[in-house]
């Protein structure tokens, strides 16, 4: 009877220091594990978002450049190397027809131009179109060397690389190619 009274008294006094320390250690370990999972998930979400942005900029840039080049006259193409590659192609767009012959618009140039600084990109820039003295951006977030046009007959293969920075300081790249058949 004496023993059971002692046990009851011990239980009534509360938990021991050892039990409290063990419980705190277990809770701290669980909090660290949850924090690690949250941190890793945040990094993955940031990178995924940057990949989406880079891919979208690449798709839009390729479509815009293809639409511009599609109107070019095959006979007016210039700026291509002996291997048929250009980093700053020049052409005259066909703007109409007169007496069965194409009417050409002003000389147009597409070329890479340096842009605002971006962490992780050695030479950030964009693709600019210049026509009739007016310059406008047609593709953003393009690193130096990220734009080429290769001519093969009346077809042009456009290569474009774009980038996007993620919120965790990483830079993500997207690359795409498309081919345009010139009709004029």
Protein backbone atom coordinates (compact mmCIF):
# COMPACT_ATOMS: atom_id res chain seq x y z
CA UNK A 1 0.00 0.00 0.00
CA UNK A 2 2.89 2.24 0.77
CA UNK A 3 4.34 1.84 -2.69
CA UNK A 4 1.17 2.74 -4.48
CA UNK A 5 0.85 5.89 -2.37
CA UNK A 6 4.43 6.87 -3.31
CA UNK A 7 3.68 6.35 -7.01
CA UNK A 8 0.57 8.46 -6.77
CA UNK A 9 2.54 11.24 -5.09
CA UNK A 10 5.23 11.12 -7.79
CA UNK A 11 2.67 11.32 -10.56
CA UNK A 12 0.90 14.15 -8.88
CA UNK A 13 4.11 16.19 -8.69
CA UNK A 14 4.28 16.53 -12.56
CA UNK A 15 6.88 15.67 -15.14
CA UNK A 16 10.57 15.38 -14.47
CA UNK A 17 13.25 17.59 -15.98
CA UNK A 18 14.44 14.69 -18.14
CA UNK A 19 10.96 14.17 -19.63
CA UNK A 20 10.68 17.91 -20.35
CA UNK A 21 14.09 17.95 -22.07
CA UNK A 22 13.23 14.94 -24.23
CA UNK A 23 9.88 16.45 -25.25
CA UNK A 24 11.51 19.79 -26.14
CA UNK A 25 14.19 18.00 -28.20
CA UNK A 26 11.58 16.03 -30.14
CA UNK A 27 9.55 19.20 -30.85
CA UNK A 28 12.67 21.11 -31.93
CA UNK A 29 13.67 18.28 -34.30
CA UNK A 30 10.19 18.25 -35.82
CA UNK A 31 10.23 22.05 -36.26
CA UNK A 32 13.62 21.88 -38.01
CA UNK A 33 12.39 19.13 -40.32
CA UNK A 34 9.27 21.10 -41.26
CA UNK A 35 11.41 24.21 -41.81
CA UNK A 36 13.75 22.29 -44.09
CA UNK A 37 10.88 20.95 -46.17
CA UNK A 38 9.36 24.44 -46.44
CA UNK A 39 12.71 25.95 -47.51
CA UNK A 40 13.29 23.28 -50.14
CA UNK A 41 9.74 23.66 -51.45
CA UNK A 42 10.17 27.44 -51.71
CA UNK A 43 13.38 26.99 -53.74
CA UNK A 44 11.67 24.54 -56.10
CA UNK A 45 8.68 26.86 -56.55
CA UNK A 46 11.00 29.79 -57.30
CA UNK A 47 12.94 27.83 -59.92
CA UNK A 48 9.75 26.50 -61.52
CA UNK A 49 8.34 30.01 -61.79
CA UNK A 50 11.59 31.26 -63.38
CA UNK A 51 11.51 28.37 -65.89
CA UNK A 52 7.96 29.28 -66.81
CA UNK A 53 8.89 32.96 -67.32
CA UNK A 54 11.98 32.08 -69.43
CA UNK A 55 9.97 29.66 -71.60
CA UNK A 56 7.16 32.17 -72.09
CA UNK A 57 9.59 34.94 -73.08
CA UNK A 58 11.24 32.50 -75.50
CA UNK A 59 7.95 31.48 -77.10
CA UNK A 60 6.73 35.07 -77.47
CA UNK A 61 10.09 36.25 -78.80
CA UNK A 62 10.26 33.46 -81.40
CA UNK A 63 6.70 34.17 -82.55
CA UNK A 64 7.33 37.90 -82.83
CA UNK A 65 10.63 37.50 -84.71
CA UNK A 66 9.09 34.87 -87.03
CA UNK A 67 6.18 37.20 -87.84
CA UNK A 68 8.61 40.01 -88.69
CA UNK A 69 10.89 37.85 -90.85
CA UNK A 70 7.98 36.15 -92.61
CA UNK A 71 7.23 39.39 -94.48
CA UNK A 72 10.81 39.71 -95.79
CA UNK A 73 11.72 39.58 -99.43
CA UNK A 74 14.09 36.70 -100.22
CA UNK A 75 16.06 38.88 -102.63
CA UNK A 76 16.63 41.59 -100.02
CA UNK A 77 18.15 39.36 -97.30
CA UNK A 78 21.65 40.38 -96.20
CA UNK A 79 23.98 40.20 -93.23
CA UNK A 80 24.53 36.43 -93.53
CA UNK A 81 27.98 34.80 -93.31
CA UNK A 82 29.31 32.38 -95.91
CA UNK A 83 27.75 29.62 -93.81
CA UNK A 84 24.32 31.27 -94.04
CA UNK A 85 24.24 32.45 -90.40
CA UNK A 86 23.37 35.98 -89.27
CA UNK A 87 23.27 37.60 -85.85
CA UNK A 88 21.94 40.86 -87.32
CA UNK A 89 19.91 39.96 -90.44
CA UNK A 90 18.76 42.78 -92.72
CA UNK A 91 15.86 42.65 -95.17
CA UNK A 92 13.12 44.67 -96.79
CA UNK A 93 9.57 43.61 -95.97
CA UNK A 94 7.06 43.19 -98.77
CA UNK A 95 4.34 45.77 -98.13
CA UNK A 96 2.25 45.33 -101.26
CA UNK A 97 2.15 44.57 -104.97
CA UNK A 98 2.33 46.99 -107.90
CA UNK A 99 2.01 45.79 -111.51
CA UNK A 100 2.65 42.20 -110.39
CA UNK A 101 5.88 43.04 -108.59
CA UNK A 102 6.33 43.22 -104.83
CA UNK A 103 6.61 46.67 -103.27
CA UNK A 104 9.30 46.72 -100.62
CA UNK A 105 9.22 48.64 -97.37
CA UNK A 106 12.15 50.26 -95.59
CA UNK A 107 15.27 48.27 -94.76
CA UNK A 108 14.77 46.40 -91.48
CA UNK A 109 17.43 45.02 -89.14
CA UNK A 110 17.06 42.61 -86.24
CA UNK A 111 19.97 42.58 -83.81
CA UNK A 112 20.98 41.93 -80.22
CA UNK A 113 21.53 44.97 -78.02
CA UNK A 114 22.91 45.10 -74.48
CA UNK A 115 20.26 45.58 -71.82
CA UNK A 116 19.96 46.13 -68.08
CA UNK A 117 22.20 44.10 -65.76
CA UNK A 118 20.92 40.78 -64.44
CA UNK A 119 22.61 38.64 -61.79
CA UNK A 120 23.98 35.44 -63.27
CA UNK A 121 23.97 36.67 -66.90
CA UNK A 122 27.33 37.82 -68.27
CA UNK A 123 25.89 39.96 -71.10
CA UNK A 124 22.13 40.48 -70.76
CA UNK A 125 20.22 42.13 -73.57
CA UNK A 126 17.31 42.06 -75.97
CA UNK A 127 16.58 41.76 -79.68
CA UNK A 128 15.81 45.09 -81.29
CA UNK A 129 14.18 45.79 -84.66
CA UNK A 130 15.16 48.95 -86.53
CA UNK A 131 13.07 50.06 -89.51
CA UNK A 132 12.82 53.57 -91.02
CA UNK A 133 14.90 54.98 -88.16
CA UNK A 134 12.57 53.61 -85.47
CA UNK A 135 13.92 51.04 -83.02
CA UNK A 136 11.76 48.80 -80.86
CA UNK A 137 12.25 45.73 -78.71
CA UNK A 138 10.93 42.45 -80.12
CA UNK A 139 12.39 39.94 -77.61
CA UNK A 140 13.48 40.53 -74.02
CA UNK A 141 15.97 38.78 -71.71
CA UNK A 142 18.26 37.47 -74.46
CA UNK A 143 21.92 36.87 -73.52
CA UNK A 144 24.71 37.82 -75.92
CA UNK A 145 24.98 35.09 -78.55
CA UNK A 146 21.41 33.96 -77.85
CA UNK A 147 20.02 34.98 -81.27
CA UNK A 148 20.92 33.64 -84.71
CA UNK A 149 19.13 33.27 -88.02
CA UNK A 150 20.29 30.60 -90.47
CA UNK A 151 19.29 30.81 -94.13
CA UNK A 152 18.71 27.76 -96.27
CA UNK A 153 17.20 28.75 -99.62
CA UNK A 154 14.00 30.64 -98.87
CA UNK A 155 13.77 29.23 -95.33
CA UNK A 156 15.07 30.91 -92.20
CA UNK A 157 15.75 28.98 -89.00
CA UNK A 158 15.53 31.27 -85.96
CA UNK A 159 17.38 30.30 -82.79
CA UNK A 160 16.59 32.19 -79.58
CA UNK A 161 17.78 31.78 -76.00
CA UNK A 162 16.12 33.67 -73.16
CA UNK A 163 16.67 33.84 -69.41
CA UNK A 164 14.79 34.66 -66.24
CA UNK A 165 16.16 35.23 -62.74
CA UNK A 166 14.56 33.33 -59.87
CA UNK A 167 13.88 34.86 -56.46
CA UNK A 168 16.62 32.69 -54.91
CA UNK A 169 19.33 34.26 -57.11
CA UNK A 170 19.51 31.50 -59.71
CA UNK A 171 19.22 32.25 -63.45
CA UNK A 172 17.21 29.88 -65.64
CA UNK A 173 17.57 29.65 -69.45
CA UNK A 174 15.16 28.53 -72.17
CA UNK A 175 16.12 27.81 -75.78
CA UNK A 176 13.89 27.48 -78.81
CA UNK A 177 14.02 27.26 -82.60
CA UNK A 178 11.48 27.84 -85.32
CA UNK A 179 11.61 27.91 -89.10
CA UNK A 180 10.03 30.50 -91.38
CA UNK A 181 9.41 29.99 -95.09
CA UNK A 182 9.65 33.29 -96.96
CA UNK A 183 6.93 33.59 -99.56
CA UNK A 184 8.13 36.69 -101.40
